[in-house]
Amino acid sequence: MPTLDINEICKILPHRYPFLLVDRILEVDDESIVGIKNVTANEPFFQGHFPDFPVMPGVLIIEAMAQTAGIQVLRSIPDRDKKLVFLVSVDGARFRRPVVPGDQLRFEMRVIKRKGSVAKMAGKAYVDGKVVAEAEVMCKLEDKVDPNAAPAAVVVEAAPAVQAE
């Protein structure tokens, strides 16, 4: 099973600092993926969450799980530079214990269902072998839209005039 370093991850995901939340992929195949996030005291979210007791926000743990899932979805697509993966739903999110500076998060995600451009994956996040969070995420593959492209022409037909009686 191949591993991916941060440079290879950046070729797959469009996210960048401070919102790229996966540092390495340890394992990936057609049905599962394992990723790592090294949580440091320098994370920008610790400035406000919480200054005297830094805790990684749970929503960012879920985002990191979704980014890991996105790598699994995008990695084998030949024209992935023309695609984006969007998080469309989160189910059953549970947070078991806090994640603090110095922790290494391990994300283990597996495909539950795949249909067309949609993939549903279940996953858990671990620190030192203990579950810190779990959730099911649904991701949807979409074509990238060029923000500089001219908008498509829209034809609007006027409604027929109503005559007063």
N, C-alpha and C. Protein backbone atom coordinates (compact mmCIF):
# COMPACT_ATOMS: atom_id res chain seq x y z
N MET A 1 0.83 -1.18 0.00
CA MET A 1 0.00 0.00 0.00
C MET A 1 0.88 1.24 0.00
N PRO A 2 0.62 2.17 -0.92
CA PRO A 2 1.49 3.34 -1.03
C PRO A 2 1.29 4.33 0.12
N THR A 3 2.34 5.06 0.40
CA THR A 3 2.25 6.16 1.35
C THR A 3 2.39 7.47 0.57
N LEU A 4 1.82 8.53 1.10
CA LEU A 4 1.90 9.83 0.46
C LEU A 4 2.43 10.85 1.45
N ASP A 5 3.44 11.62 1.04
CA ASP A 5 3.94 12.68 1.92
C ASP A 5 3.17 13.97 1.63
N ILE A 6 3.51 15.02 2.31
CA ILE A 6 2.77 16.28 2.20
C ILE A 6 2.82 16.83 0.78
N ASN A 7 3.93 16.66 0.06
CA ASN A 7 4.02 17.16 -1.31
C ASN A 7 3.05 16.42 -2.23
N GLU A 8 2.93 15.12 -2.04
CA GLU A 8 1.99 14.34 -2.85
C GLU A 8 0.54 14.65 -2.47
N ILE A 9 0.30 14.90 -1.19
CA ILE A 9 -1.05 15.29 -0.74
C ILE A 9 -1.45 16.60 -1.41
N CYS A 10 -0.51 17.54 -1.50
CA CYS A 10 -0.80 18.84 -2.11
C CYS A 10 -1.08 18.73 -3.61
N LYS A 11 -0.65 17.65 -4.24
CA LYS A 11 -0.98 17.42 -5.65
C LYS A 11 -2.40 16.89 -5.81
N ILE A 12 -2.97 16.39 -4.72
CA ILE A 12 -4.31 15.80 -4.77
C ILE A 12 -5.36 16.76 -4.22
N LEU A 13 -5.10 17.33 -3.04
CA LEU A 13 -6.07 18.23 -2.40
C LEU A 13 -5.76 19.69 -2.74
N PRO A 14 -6.79 20.52 -2.87
CA PRO A 14 -6.55 21.95 -3.11
C PRO A 14 -6.28 22.74 -1.83
N HIS A 15 -6.50 22.14 -0.68
CA HIS A 15 -6.35 22.84 0.61
C HIS A 15 -4.88 23.22 0.84
N ARG A 16 -4.68 24.34 1.51
CA ARG A 16 -3.35 24.80 1.88
C ARG A 16 -3.41 25.36 3.30
N TYR A 17 -2.23 25.61 3.88
CA TYR A 17 -2.14 26.18 5.21
C TYR A 17 -2.99 27.44 5.26
N PRO A 18 -3.73 27.67 6.30
CA PRO A 18 -3.82 26.89 7.53
C PRO A 18 -4.93 25.84 7.53
N PHE A 19 -5.48 25.54 6.34
CA PHE A 19 -6.62 24.62 6.33
C PHE A 19 -6.30 23.24 5.79
N LEU A 20 -5.07 22.95 5.45
CA LEU A 20 -4.68 21.59 5.08
C LEU A 20 -4.42 20.85 6.39
N LEU A 21 -5.23 19.84 6.68
CA LEU A 21 -5.21 19.20 7.99
C LEU A 21 -4.75 17.75 7.95
N VAL A 22 -4.09 17.35 6.87
CA VAL A 22 -3.53 15.99 6.75
C VAL A 22 -2.06 16.14 6.38
N ASP A 23 -1.18 15.52 7.17
CA ASP A 23 0.26 15.63 6.93
C ASP A 23 0.85 14.47 6.14
N ARG A 24 0.25 13.30 6.27
CA ARG A 24 0.81 12.11 5.62
C ARG A 24 -0.29 11.06 5.48
N ILE A 25 -0.19 10.29 4.42
CA ILE A 25 -1.05 9.12 4.23
C ILE A 25 -0.17 7.90 4.41
N LEU A 26 -0.55 7.04 5.34
CA LEU A 26 0.24 5.83 5.63
C LEU A 26 -0.18 4.65 4.78
N GLU A 27 -1.48 4.54 4.52
CA GLU A 27 -2.02 3.43 3.73
C GLU A 27 -3.19 3.94 2.92
N VAL A 28 -3.33 3.43 1.71
CA VAL A 28 -4.50 3.76 0.90
C VAL A 28 -4.73 2.64 -0.10
N ASP A 29 -5.99 2.25 -0.25
CA ASP A 29 -6.38 1.29 -1.29
C ASP A 29 -7.77 1.68 -1.77
N ASP A 30 -8.42 0.80 -2.52
CA ASP A 30 -9.72 1.13 -3.11
C ASP A 30 -10.84 1.27 -2.09
N GLU A 31 -10.65 0.75 -0.90
CA GLU A 31 -11.73 0.75 0.09
C GLU A 31 -11.41 1.46 1.39
N SER A 32 -10.15 1.85 1.60
CA SER A 32 -9.81 2.48 2.88
C SER A 32 -8.58 3.37 2.75
N ILE A 33 -8.37 4.15 3.80
CA ILE A 33 -7.22 5.06 3.84
C ILE A 33 -6.88 5.35 5.30
N VAL A 34 -5.60 5.55 5.57
CA VAL A 34 -5.13 5.91 6.91
C VAL A 34 -4.25 7.15 6.75
N GLY A 35 -4.61 8.21 7.48
CA GLY A 35 -3.86 9.46 7.41
C GLY A 35 -3.41 9.92 8.79
N ILE A 36 -2.47 10.87 8.79
CA ILE A 36 -1.88 11.41 10.02
C ILE A 36 -1.94 12.93 10.00
N LYS A 37 -2.21 13.51 11.17
CA LYS A 37 -2.08 14.95 11.40
C LYS A 37 -1.29 15.14 12.68
N ASN A 38 -0.15 15.81 12.57
CA ASN A 38 0.65 16.14 13.75
C ASN A 38 0.15 17.48 14.29
N VAL A 39 -0.38 17.46 15.48
CA VAL A 39 -0.98 18.66 16.07
C VAL A 39 0.11 19.38 16.87
N THR A 40 0.40 20.62 16.48
CA THR A 40 1.45 21.38 17.15
C THR A 40 0.86 22.57 17.90
N ALA A 41 1.64 23.14 18.79
CA ALA A 41 1.22 24.33 19.54
C ALA A 41 1.09 25.54 18.61
N ASN A 42 1.65 25.46 17.41
CA ASN A 42 1.61 26.57 16.46
C ASN A 42 0.35 26.61 15.61
N GLU A 43 -0.59 25.70 15.81
CA GLU A 43 -1.82 25.70 15.02
C GLU A 43 -2.56 27.02 15.28
N PRO A 44 -3.01 27.71 14.23
CA PRO A 44 -3.65 29.01 14.42
C PRO A 44 -4.93 28.96 15.26
N PHE A 45 -5.64 27.85 15.24
CA PHE A 45 -6.90 27.78 15.99
C PHE A 45 -6.69 27.76 17.49
N PHE A 46 -5.48 27.42 17.95
CA PHE A 46 -5.23 27.40 19.40
C PHE A 46 -5.20 28.80 20.00
N GLN A 47 -5.02 29.84 19.18
CA GLN A 47 -5.02 31.21 19.71
C GLN A 47 -6.34 31.55 20.39
N GLY A 48 -7.43 30.99 19.87
CA GLY A 48 -8.72 31.32 20.45
C GLY A 48 -9.49 30.13 21.00
N HIS A 49 -8.92 28.93 20.91
CA HIS A 49 -9.67 27.72 21.32
C HIS A 49 -8.77 26.81 22.15
N PHE A 50 -8.49 26.99 23.26
CA PHE A 50 -8.75 28.09 24.17
C PHE A 50 -7.39 28.59 24.61
N PRO A 51 -7.18 29.90 24.79
CA PRO A 51 -5.85 30.42 25.07
C PRO A 51 -5.13 29.77 26.25
N ASP A 52 -5.84 29.47 27.32
CA ASP A 52 -5.19 28.88 28.49
C ASP A 52 -5.34 27.36 28.56
N PHE A 53 -6.11 26.80 27.66
CA PHE A 53 -6.31 25.35 27.62
C PHE A 53 -6.56 24.94 26.17
N PRO A 54 -5.48 24.88 25.35
CA PRO A 54 -5.66 24.64 23.92
C PRO A 54 -6.24 23.25 23.63
N VAL A 55 -7.35 23.25 22.88
CA VAL A 55 -8.02 22.02 22.47
C VAL A 55 -8.36 22.17 20.99
N MET A 56 -8.05 21.17 20.18
CA MET A 56 -8.40 21.21 18.77
C MET A 56 -9.91 21.14 18.63
N PRO A 57 -10.52 22.09 17.89
CA PRO A 57 -11.96 22.04 17.71
C PRO A 57 -12.41 20.75 17.02
N GLY A 58 -13.48 20.18 17.54
CA GLY A 58 -13.99 18.93 16.98
C GLY A 58 -14.34 19.04 15.51
N VAL A 59 -14.86 20.19 15.10
CA VAL A 59 -15.22 20.38 13.70
C VAL A 59 -13.99 20.26 12.80
N LEU A 60 -12.81 20.65 13.30
CA LEU A 60 -11.59 20.52 12.49
C LEU A 60 -11.10 19.08 12.45
N ILE A 61 -11.38 18.31 13.48
CA ILE A 61 -11.07 16.87 13.43
C ILE A 61 -11.93 16.22 12.35
N ILE A 62 -13.21 16.58 12.30
CA ILE A 62 -14.10 16.05 11.26
C ILE A 62 -13.62 16.51 9.88
N GLU A 63 -13.21 17.77 9.75
CA GLU A 63 -12.68 18.26 8.48
C GLU A 63 -11.45 17.47 8.06
N ALA A 64 -10.56 17.17 9.00
CA ALA A 64 -9.37 16.39 8.68
C ALA A 64 -9.75 14.98 8.23
N MET A 65 -10.76 14.40 8.87
CA MET A 65 -11.26 13.09 8.43
C MET A 65 -11.82 13.18 7.01
N ALA A 66 -12.56 14.26 6.73
CA ALA A 66 -13.13 14.46 5.40
C ALA A 66 -12.03 14.68 4.35
N GLN A 67 -10.97 15.42 4.71
CA GLN A 67 -9.86 15.60 3.78
C GLN A 67 -9.18 14.26 3.48
N THR A 68 -9.03 13.44 4.51
CA THR A 68 -8.46 12.11 4.32
C THR A 68 -9.34 11.30 3.37
N ALA A 69 -10.66 11.35 3.59
CA ALA A 69 -11.60 10.67 2.70
C ALA A 69 -11.49 11.22 1.28
N GLY A 70 -11.34 12.53 1.15
CA GLY A 70 -11.20 13.16 -0.16
C GLY A 70 -9.99 12.67 -0.93
N ILE A 71 -8.90 12.44 -0.23
CA ILE A 71 -7.70 11.89 -0.87
C ILE A 71 -8.00 10.50 -1.41
N GLN A 72 -8.72 9.69 -0.63
CA GLN A 72 -9.07 8.34 -1.07
C GLN A 72 -9.92 8.41 -2.34
N VAL A 73 -10.87 9.35 -2.39
CA VAL A 73 -11.75 9.48 -3.55
C VAL A 73 -10.99 9.99 -4.77
N LEU A 74 -10.14 11.00 -4.59
CA LEU A 74 -9.47 11.65 -5.72
C LEU A 74 -8.23 10.93 -6.25
N ARG A 75 -7.57 10.15 -5.43
CA ARG A 75 -6.23 9.66 -5.77
C ARG A 75 -6.16 8.86 -7.06
N SER A 76 -7.20 8.13 -7.41
CA SER A 76 -7.13 7.26 -8.58
C SER A 76 -7.86 7.82 -9.80
N ILE A 77 -8.31 9.06 -9.72
CA ILE A 77 -9.02 9.67 -10.84
C ILE A 77 -7.99 10.30 -11.79
N PRO A 78 -8.02 9.92 -13.07
CA PRO A 78 -7.00 10.41 -14.00
C PRO A 78 -7.01 11.93 -14.18
N ASP A 79 -8.16 12.56 -14.19
CA ASP A 79 -8.23 14.01 -14.40
C ASP A 79 -8.56 14.75 -13.11
N ARG A 80 -7.95 14.32 -12.02
CA ARG A 80 -8.29 14.88 -10.71
C ARG A 80 -8.00 16.37 -10.59
N ASP A 81 -7.12 16.90 -11.43
CA ASP A 81 -6.85 18.34 -11.39
C ASP A 81 -8.06 19.15 -11.88
N LYS A 82 -9.04 18.47 -12.49
CA LYS A 82 -10.25 19.13 -12.96
C LYS A 82 -11.44 18.85 -12.04
N LYS A 83 -11.17 18.24 -10.89
CA LYS A 83 -12.24 17.84 -9.97
C LYS A 83 -12.00 18.40 -8.57
N LEU A 84 -13.07 18.52 -7.82
CA LEU A 84 -13.02 18.85 -6.40
C LEU A 84 -13.92 17.87 -5.67
N VAL A 85 -13.58 17.59 -4.42
CA VAL A 85 -14.43 16.77 -3.58
C VAL A 85 -15.00 17.67 -2.50
N PHE A 86 -16.31 17.66 -2.36
CA PHE A 86 -16.98 18.47 -1.35
C PHE A 86 -17.58 17.59 -0.28
N LEU A 87 -17.48 18.03 0.96
CA LEU A 87 -18.15 17.37 2.07
C LEU A 87 -19.61 17.78 2.00
N VAL A 88 -20.52 16.79 1.91
CA VAL A 88 -21.94 17.12 1.80
C VAL A 88 -22.75 16.73 3.02
N SER A 89 -22.23 15.81 3.84
CA SER A 89 -22.95 15.50 5.09
C SER A 89 -22.02 14.82 6.08
N VAL A 90 -22.39 14.95 7.34
CA VAL A 90 -21.70 14.29 8.45
C VAL A 90 -22.78 13.65 9.31
N ASP A 91 -22.63 12.37 9.60
CA ASP A 91 -23.59 11.66 10.44
C ASP A 91 -22.86 11.01 11.61
N GLY A 92 -23.54 10.96 12.73
CA GLY A 92 -23.04 10.21 13.89
C GLY A 92 -21.74 10.71 14.47
N ALA A 93 -21.47 12.00 14.35
CA ALA A 93 -20.21 12.53 14.90
C ALA A 93 -20.21 12.42 16.42
N ARG A 94 -19.13 11.88 16.94
CA ARG A 94 -18.96 11.73 18.39
C ARG A 94 -17.53 12.14 18.72
N PHE A 95 -17.39 12.86 19.82
CA PHE A 95 -16.08 13.29 20.28
C PHE A 95 -15.84 12.67 21.65
N ARG A 96 -14.79 11.89 21.77
CA ARG A 96 -14.56 11.08 22.98
C ARG A 96 -13.58 11.71 23.97
N ARG A 97 -12.58 12.41 23.47
CA ARG A 97 -11.57 13.01 24.36
C ARG A 97 -10.90 14.17 23.63
N PRO A 98 -10.33 15.12 24.37
CA PRO A 98 -9.73 16.29 23.72
C PRO A 98 -8.43 15.95 22.98
N VAL A 99 -8.18 16.72 21.94
CA VAL A 99 -6.93 16.64 21.18
C VAL A 99 -6.16 17.92 21.47
N VAL A 100 -4.91 17.77 21.91
CA VAL A 100 -4.13 18.91 22.39
C VAL A 100 -2.78 18.98 21.67
N PRO A 101 -2.08 20.12 21.79
CA PRO A 101 -0.77 20.22 21.15
C PRO A 101 0.14 19.05 21.55
N GLY A 102 0.86 18.53 20.57
CA GLY A 102 1.75 17.40 20.79
C GLY A 102 1.13 16.06 20.41
N ASP A 103 -0.20 16.03 20.24
CA ASP A 103 -0.86 14.79 19.84
C ASP A 103 -0.62 14.51 18.36
N GLN A 104 -0.63 13.23 18.02
CA GLN A 104 -0.63 12.83 16.62
C GLN A 104 -1.97 12.14 16.36
N LEU A 105 -2.76 12.75 15.48
CA LEU A 105 -4.05 12.17 15.10
C LEU A 105 -3.83 11.15 13.99
N ARG A 106 -4.50 10.02 14.12
CA ARG A 106 -4.49 8.98 13.08
C ARG A 106 -5.94 8.80 12.63
N PHE A 107 -6.17 9.00 11.33
CA PHE A 107 -7.51 8.88 10.77
C PHE A 107 -7.61 7.58 10.00
N GLU A 108 -8.58 6.76 10.35
CA GLU A 108 -8.82 5.51 9.63
C GLU A 108 -10.21 5.60 9.03
N MET A 109 -10.27 5.68 7.70
CA MET A 109 -11.53 5.84 6.98
C MET A 109 -11.73 4.64 6.06
N ARG A 110 -12.99 4.18 5.96
CA ARG A 110 -13.30 3.09 5.03
C ARG A 110 -14.58 3.40 4.28
N VAL A 111 -14.62 2.98 3.03
CA VAL A 111 -15.78 3.21 2.18
C VAL A 111 -16.93 2.32 2.64
N ILE A 112 -18.09 2.93 2.86
CA ILE A 112 -19.30 2.18 3.18
C ILE A 112 -20.11 1.96 1.90
N LYS A 113 -20.20 3.04 1.10
CA LYS A 113 -21.01 2.98 -0.11
C LYS A 113 -20.47 3.97 -1.12
N ARG A 114 -20.52 3.58 -2.37
CA ARG A 114 -20.11 4.45 -3.46
C ARG A 114 -21.16 4.35 -4.55
N LYS A 115 -21.66 5.49 -4.98
CA LYS A 115 -22.64 5.49 -6.06
C LYS A 115 -22.41 6.73 -6.92
N GLY A 116 -22.00 6.51 -8.15
CA GLY A 116 -21.72 7.63 -9.04
C GLY A 116 -20.62 8.51 -8.48
N SER A 117 -20.94 9.79 -8.31
CA SER A 117 -19.94 10.75 -7.83
C SER A 117 -19.96 10.92 -6.32
N VAL A 118 -20.73 10.08 -5.62
CA VAL A 118 -20.87 10.21 -4.17
C VAL A 118 -20.24 9.01 -3.46
N ALA A 119 -19.52 9.29 -2.39
CA ALA A 119 -18.94 8.23 -1.55
C ALA A 119 -19.29 8.51 -0.10
N LYS A 120 -19.73 7.47 0.60
CA LYS A 120 -19.98 7.58 2.04
C LYS A 120 -18.91 6.76 2.72
N MET A 121 -18.25 7.37 3.70
CA MET A 121 -17.16 6.71 4.41
C MET A 121 -17.37 6.81 5.91
N ALA A 122 -17.00 5.76 6.62
CA ALA A 122 -17.03 5.75 8.08
C ALA A 122 -15.60 5.85 8.57
N GLY A 123 -15.41 6.56 9.66
CA GLY A 123 -14.05 6.69 10.15
C GLY A 123 -13.95 7.00 11.62
N LYS A 124 -12.74 6.79 12.09
CA LYS A 124 -12.40 7.11 13.48
C LYS A 124 -11.08 7.85 13.48
N ALA A 125 -10.95 8.73 14.47
CA ALA A 125 -9.69 9.43 14.71
C ALA A 125 -9.14 8.94 16.03
N TYR A 126 -7.85 8.64 16.04
CA TYR A 126 -7.19 8.08 17.23
C TYR A 126 -6.03 8.96 17.66
N VAL A 127 -5.76 8.97 18.96
CA VAL A 127 -4.52 9.49 19.53
C VAL A 127 -4.01 8.42 20.47
N ASP A 128 -2.78 7.98 20.26
CA ASP A 128 -2.18 6.93 21.09
C ASP A 128 -3.06 5.68 21.18
N GLY A 129 -3.68 5.32 20.06
CA GLY A 129 -4.50 4.11 20.01
C GLY A 129 -5.88 4.23 20.62
N LYS A 130 -6.23 5.42 21.13
CA LYS A 130 -7.55 5.63 21.73
C LYS A 130 -8.41 6.48 20.80
N VAL A 131 -9.67 6.10 20.65
CA VAL A 131 -10.58 6.85 19.79
C VAL A 131 -10.86 8.22 20.41
N VAL A 132 -10.64 9.27 19.61
CA VAL A 132 -10.95 10.63 20.06
C VAL A 132 -12.18 11.18 19.34
N ALA A 133 -12.48 10.65 18.16
CA ALA A 133 -13.65 11.09 17.41
C ALA A 133 -14.03 10.02 16.40
N GLU A 134 -15.30 10.03 16.01
CA GLU A 134 -15.77 9.13 14.96
C GLU A 134 -16.92 9.79 14.24
N ALA A 135 -17.11 9.42 12.98
CA ALA A 135 -18.19 9.99 12.18
C ALA A 135 -18.29 9.25 10.85
N GLU A 136 -19.43 9.42 10.21
CA GLU A 136 -19.60 9.03 8.82
C GLU A 136 -19.65 10.31 8.02
N VAL A 137 -18.90 10.36 6.92
CA VAL A 137 -18.90 11.54 6.06
C VAL A 137 -19.31 11.14 4.65
N MET A 138 -20.04 12.03 4.01
CA MET A 138 -20.41 11.81 2.61
C MET A 138 -19.73 12.89 1.79
N CYS A 139 -19.05 12.46 0.74
CA CYS A 139 -18.32 13.37 -0.14
C CYS A 139 -18.88 13.26 -1.55
N LYS A 140 -18.86 14.38 -2.27
CA LYS A 140 -19.35 14.40 -3.65
C LYS A 140 -18.28 14.98 -4.55
N LEU A 141 -18.02 14.28 -5.63
CA LEU A 141 -17.05 14.69 -6.63
C LEU A 141 -17.74 15.64 -7.61
N GLU A 142 -17.14 16.81 -7.83
CA GLU A 142 -17.71 17.81 -8.74
C GLU A 142 -16.63 18.30 -9.69
N ASP A 143 -17.05 18.77 -10.86
CA ASP A 143 -16.12 19.41 -11.78
C ASP A 143 -15.73 20.77 -11.22
N LYS A 144 -14.45 21.13 -11.39
CA LYS A 144 -14.01 22.47 -11.02
C LYS A 144 -14.62 23.46 -11.99
N VAL A 145 -15.00 24.60 -11.48
CA VAL A 145 -15.53 25.67 -12.32
C VAL A 145 -14.50 26.78 -12.32
N ASP A 146 -14.13 27.24 -13.50
CA ASP A 146 -13.17 28.33 -13.63
C ASP A 146 -13.83 29.63 -13.18
N PRO A 147 -13.34 30.24 -12.08
CA PRO A 147 -13.97 31.47 -11.59
C PRO A 147 -13.83 32.63 -12.57
N ASN A 148 -12.90 32.53 -13.54
CA ASN A 148 -12.70 33.59 -14.52
C ASN A 148 -13.50 33.38 -15.79
N ALA A 149 -14.17 32.24 -15.90
CA ALA A 149 -14.95 31.95 -17.10
C ALA A 149 -16.18 32.86 -17.15
N ALA A 150 -16.56 33.19 -18.36
CA ALA A 150 -17.77 34.01 -18.54
C ALA A 150 -18.98 33.19 -18.12
N PRO A 151 -19.93 33.82 -17.46
CA PRO A 151 -21.12 33.06 -17.06
C PRO A 151 -21.90 32.61 -18.29
N ALA A 152 -22.58 31.50 -18.14
CA ALA A 152 -23.39 30.99 -19.24
C ALA A 152 -24.55 31.95 -19.48
N ALA A 153 -24.93 32.08 -20.75
CA ALA A 153 -26.06 32.95 -21.08
C ALA A 153 -27.35 32.34 -20.54
N VAL A 154 -28.18 33.18 -20.01
CA VAL A 154 -29.46 32.74 -19.47
C VAL A 154 -30.55 33.40 -20.30
N VAL A 155 -31.43 32.59 -20.84
CA VAL A 155 -32.55 33.12 -21.62
C VAL A 155 -33.77 33.19 -20.72
N VAL A 156 -34.32 34.37 -20.61
CA VAL A 156 -35.50 34.56 -19.78
C VAL A 156 -36.63 35.00 -20.70
N GLU A 157 -37.71 34.27 -20.65
CA GLU A 157 -38.87 34.65 -21.45
C GLU A 157 -39.83 35.44 -20.57
N ALA A 158 -40.35 36.50 -21.13
CA ALA A 158 -41.31 37.32 -20.39
C ALA A 158 -42.64 36.59 -20.34
N ALA A 159 -43.30 36.71 -19.22
CA ALA A 159 -44.64 36.12 -19.09
C ALA A 159 -45.60 36.92 -19.94
N PRO A 160 -46.60 36.26 -20.50
CA PRO A 160 -47.56 37.01 -21.31
C PRO A 160 -48.27 38.07 -20.45
N ALA A 161 -48.52 39.19 -21.07
CA ALA A 161 -49.18 40.29 -20.35
C ALA A 161 -50.62 39.91 -20.04
N VAL A 162 -51.05 40.29 -18.87
CA VAL A 162 -52.43 40.05 -18.46
C VAL A 162 -53.18 41.37 -18.60
N GLN A 163 -54.28 41.33 -19.33
CA GLN A 163 -55.05 42.56 -19.53
C GLN A 163 -56.10 42.70 -18.44
N ALA A 164 -56.19 43.90 -17.93
CA ALA A 164 -57.21 44.18 -16.91
C ALA A 164 -58.57 44.24 -17.57
N GLU A 165 -59.57 43.76 -16.90
CA GLU A 165 -60.92 43.80 -17.46
C GLU A 165 -61.69 44.97 -16.95
